[in-house]
Amino acid sequence: MIGVLWNCRGVSKKGMSSLLKEILTDYAVDFVGLQETMRLKYPDKFFRKIDYGKKFAWHWILSNGRSGGILCGVNLDRFDVIKFIEVTFSLKASFPCSCLWACS
């Protein structure tokens, strides 16, 4: 299982979408969690750039002004996501038990 956890300090910076796309494809990432995205909205265009094949389920918590923001992506070829659970400063993805056993 390959995951990326990154305090990116701004997902809208120049070249960031290209870098994310490269990381997701070159390393066959199963899940990604980005902190400090500093993004107030995520248009479809953003996800088309980084996840052209729509392999990931995406969920996010918007930033509060110029700080915060979390973006989580889970590879649907690898996991079945039941739901995403938002808490004030965290985001969780819930999976069925059979999925966890398959990854061991």
C-alpha atoms as a PDB file:
ATOM      1  CA  MET A   1       0.000   0.000   0.000  1.00  0.00           C
ATOM      2  CA  ILE A   2       1.435   3.353  -1.045  1.00  0.00           C
ATOM      3  CA  GLY A   3       0.221   6.620   0.431  1.00  0.00           C
ATOM      4  CA  VAL A   4       1.232  10.251   0.239  1.00  0.00           C
ATOM      5  CA  LEU A   5       0.767  12.592   3.196  1.00  0.00           C
ATOM      6  CA  TRP A   6       1.963  16.094   2.527  1.00  0.00           C
ATOM      7  CA  ASN A   7       1.773  19.537   4.122  1.00  0.00           C
ATOM      8  CA  CYS A   8       1.775  21.222   0.729  1.00  0.00           C
ATOM      9  CA  ARG A   9       1.199  24.849   1.871  1.00  0.00           C
ATOM     10  CA  GLY A  10      -0.987  25.686  -1.103  1.00  0.00           C
ATOM     11  CA  VAL A  11      -2.296  23.265  -3.684  1.00  0.00           C
ATOM     12  CA  SER A  12      -2.855  26.094  -6.202  1.00  0.00           C
ATOM     13  CA  LYS A  13       0.817  27.024  -6.545  1.00  0.00           C
ATOM     14  CA  LYS A  14       2.306  27.031 -10.026  1.00  0.00           C
ATOM     15  CA  GLY A  15       3.243  23.509 -11.115  1.00  0.00           C
ATOM     16  CA  MET A  16       1.498  21.816  -8.183  1.00  0.00           C
ATOM     17  CA  SER A  17      -1.200  20.091 -10.254  1.00  0.00           C
ATOM     18  CA  SER A  18       1.434  18.682 -12.643  1.00  0.00           C
ATOM     19  CA  LEU A  19       3.511  17.441  -9.711  1.00  0.00           C
ATOM     20  CA  LEU A  20       0.496  15.797  -8.069  1.00  0.00           C
ATOM     21  CA  LYS A  21      -0.449  14.088 -11.338  1.00  0.00           C
ATOM     22  CA  GLU A  22       3.092  12.734 -11.701  1.00  0.00           C
ATOM     23  CA  ILE A  23       3.179  11.441  -8.130  1.00  0.00           C
ATOM     24  CA  LEU A  24      -0.206   9.722  -8.428  1.00  0.00           C
ATOM     25  CA  THR A  25       0.673   7.959 -11.684  1.00  0.00           C
ATOM     26  CA  ASP A  26       4.416   7.277 -11.329  1.00  0.00           C
ATOM     27  CA  TYR A  27       4.126   5.743  -7.868  1.00  0.00           C
ATOM     28  CA  ALA A  28       0.707   4.046  -8.292  1.00  0.00           C
ATOM     29  CA  VAL A  29      -0.529   5.777  -5.145  1.00  0.00           C
ATOM     30  CA  ASP A  30      -3.377   4.135  -3.207  1.00  0.00           C
ATOM     31  CA  PHE A  31      -4.295   7.187  -1.137  1.00  0.00           C
ATOM     32  CA  VAL A  32      -3.264  10.810  -0.783  1.00  0.00           C
ATOM     33  CA  GLY A  33      -3.794  13.333   2.006  1.00  0.00           C
ATOM     34  CA  LEU A  34      -2.826  16.961   1.582  1.00  0.00           C
ATOM     35  CA  GLN A  35      -2.816  19.464   4.441  1.00  0.00           C
ATOM     36  CA  GLU A  36      -2.749  23.264   4.320  1.00  0.00           C
ATOM     37  CA  THR A  37      -4.225  23.336   0.824  1.00  0.00           C
ATOM     38  CA  MET A  38      -5.354  26.965   1.298  1.00  0.00           C
ATOM     39  CA  ARG A  39      -8.137  26.410  -1.222  1.00  0.00           C
ATOM     40  CA  LEU A  40     -11.694  27.730  -0.925  1.00  0.00           C
ATOM     41  CA  LYS A  41     -13.186  25.648  -3.743  1.00  0.00           C
ATOM     42  CA  TYR A  42     -12.290  22.740  -6.029  1.00  0.00           C
ATOM     43  CA  PRO A  43     -13.708  23.014  -9.537  1.00  0.00           C
ATOM     44  CA  ASP A  44     -13.925  19.889 -11.709  1.00  0.00           C
ATOM     45  CA  LYS A  45     -11.095  21.298 -13.815  1.00  0.00           C
ATOM     46  CA  PHE A  46      -8.696  20.847 -10.882  1.00  0.00           C
ATOM     47  CA  PHE A  47      -9.474  17.132 -10.550  1.00  0.00           C
ATOM     48  CA  ARG A  48      -9.339  16.574 -14.324  1.00  0.00           C
ATOM     49  CA  LYS A  49      -5.746  17.857 -14.225  1.00  0.00           C
ATOM     50  CA  ILE A  50      -4.517  15.545 -11.461  1.00  0.00           C
ATOM     51  CA  ASP A  51      -6.858  12.541 -11.894  1.00  0.00           C
ATOM     52  CA  TYR A  52      -7.778  12.384 -15.565  1.00  0.00           C
ATOM     53  CA  GLY A  53      -8.982   8.754 -15.415  1.00  0.00           C
ATOM     54  CA  LYS A  54     -11.169   9.427 -12.349  1.00  0.00           C
ATOM     55  CA  LYS A  55      -9.486   6.637 -10.385  1.00  0.00           C
ATOM     56  CA  PHE A  56      -9.833   8.447  -7.058  1.00  0.00           C
ATOM     57  CA  ALA A  57     -12.683   9.336  -4.735  1.00  0.00           C
ATOM     58  CA  TRP A  58     -11.997  12.884  -3.535  1.00  0.00           C
ATOM     59  CA  HIS A  59     -13.198  14.695  -0.436  1.00  0.00           C
ATOM     60  CA  TRP A  60     -12.037  17.908   1.189  1.00  0.00           C
ATOM     61  CA  ILE A  61     -12.387  20.370   4.005  1.00  0.00           C
ATOM     62  CA  LEU A  62     -12.145  23.938   2.773  1.00  0.00           C
ATOM     63  CA  SER A  63      -9.556  26.297   4.170  1.00  0.00           C
ATOM     64  CA  ASN A  64     -10.466  28.981   6.657  1.00  0.00           C
ATOM     65  CA  GLY A  65      -9.101  32.151   5.111  1.00  0.00           C
ATOM     66  CA  ARG A  66      -5.405  31.816   4.285  1.00  0.00           C
ATOM     67  CA  SER A  67      -4.799  28.743   6.410  1.00  0.00           C
ATOM     68  CA  GLY A  68      -5.968  25.187   6.660  1.00  0.00           C
ATOM     69  CA  GLY A  69      -7.727  22.982   4.193  1.00  0.00           C
ATOM     70  CA  ILE A  70      -7.472  19.212   3.724  1.00  0.00           C
ATOM     71  CA  LEU A  71      -7.784  17.197   0.527  1.00  0.00           C
ATOM     72  CA  CYS A  72      -8.097  13.409   0.627  1.00  0.00           C
ATOM     73  CA  GLY A  73      -8.090  11.035  -2.327  1.00  0.00           C
ATOM     74  CA  VAL A  74      -8.570   7.260  -2.276  1.00  0.00           C
ATOM     75  CA  ASN A  75      -7.814   5.011  -5.256  1.00  0.00           C
ATOM     76  CA  LEU A  76     -11.080   3.260  -6.184  1.00  0.00           C
ATOM     77  CA  ASP A  77      -9.207   0.454  -7.972  1.00  0.00           C
ATOM     78  CA  ARG A  78      -7.789  -0.528  -4.590  1.00  0.00           C
ATOM     79  CA  PHE A  79     -10.421   0.468  -1.998  1.00  0.00           C
ATOM     80  CA  ASP A  80     -14.186   0.742  -1.632  1.00  0.00           C
ATOM     81  CA  VAL A  81     -14.985   3.904   0.293  1.00  0.00           C
ATOM     82  CA  ILE A  82     -18.137   3.708   2.418  1.00  0.00           C
ATOM     83  CA  LYS A  83     -18.044   7.364   3.433  1.00  0.00           C
ATOM     84  CA  PHE A  84     -15.839  10.269   4.373  1.00  0.00           C
ATOM     85  CA  ILE A  85     -16.206  11.656   7.885  1.00  0.00           C
ATOM     86  CA  GLU A  86     -15.417  15.332   8.489  1.00  0.00           C
ATOM     87  CA  VAL A  87     -14.262  16.531  11.884  1.00  0.00           C
ATOM     88  CA  THR A  88     -13.185  20.102  12.669  1.00  0.00           C
ATOM     89  CA  PHE A  89      -9.506  19.628  11.791  1.00  0.00           C
ATOM     90  CA  SER A  90      -9.436  16.140  10.270  1.00  0.00           C
ATOM     91  CA  LEU A  91     -10.938  13.960   7.578  1.00  0.00           C
ATOM     92  CA  LYS A  92     -11.403  10.184   7.734  1.00  0.00           C
ATOM     93  CA  ALA A  93     -12.260   7.653   5.052  1.00  0.00           C
ATOM     94  CA  SER A  94     -14.301   4.621   6.114  1.00  0.00           C
ATOM     95  CA  PHE A  95     -13.780   1.247   4.389  1.00  0.00           C
ATOM     96  CA  PRO A  96     -15.536  -2.134   4.664  1.00  0.00           C
ATOM     97  CA  CYS A  97     -13.668  -4.745   6.720  1.00  0.00           C
ATOM     98  CA  SER A  98     -13.132  -7.059   3.733  1.00  0.00           C
ATOM     99  CA  CYS A  99     -11.192  -4.312   1.986  1.00  0.00           C
ATOM    100  CA  LEU A 100      -8.735  -4.003   4.865  1.00  0.00           C
ATOM    101  CA  TRP A 101      -8.075  -7.737   4.941  1.00  0.00           C
ATOM    102  CA  ALA A 102      -7.369  -7.799   1.221  1.00  0.00           C
ATOM    103  CA  CYS A 103      -4.589  -5.245   1.693  1.00  0.00           C
ATOM    104  CA  SER A 104      -2.735  -7.102   4.452  1.00  0.00           C
END
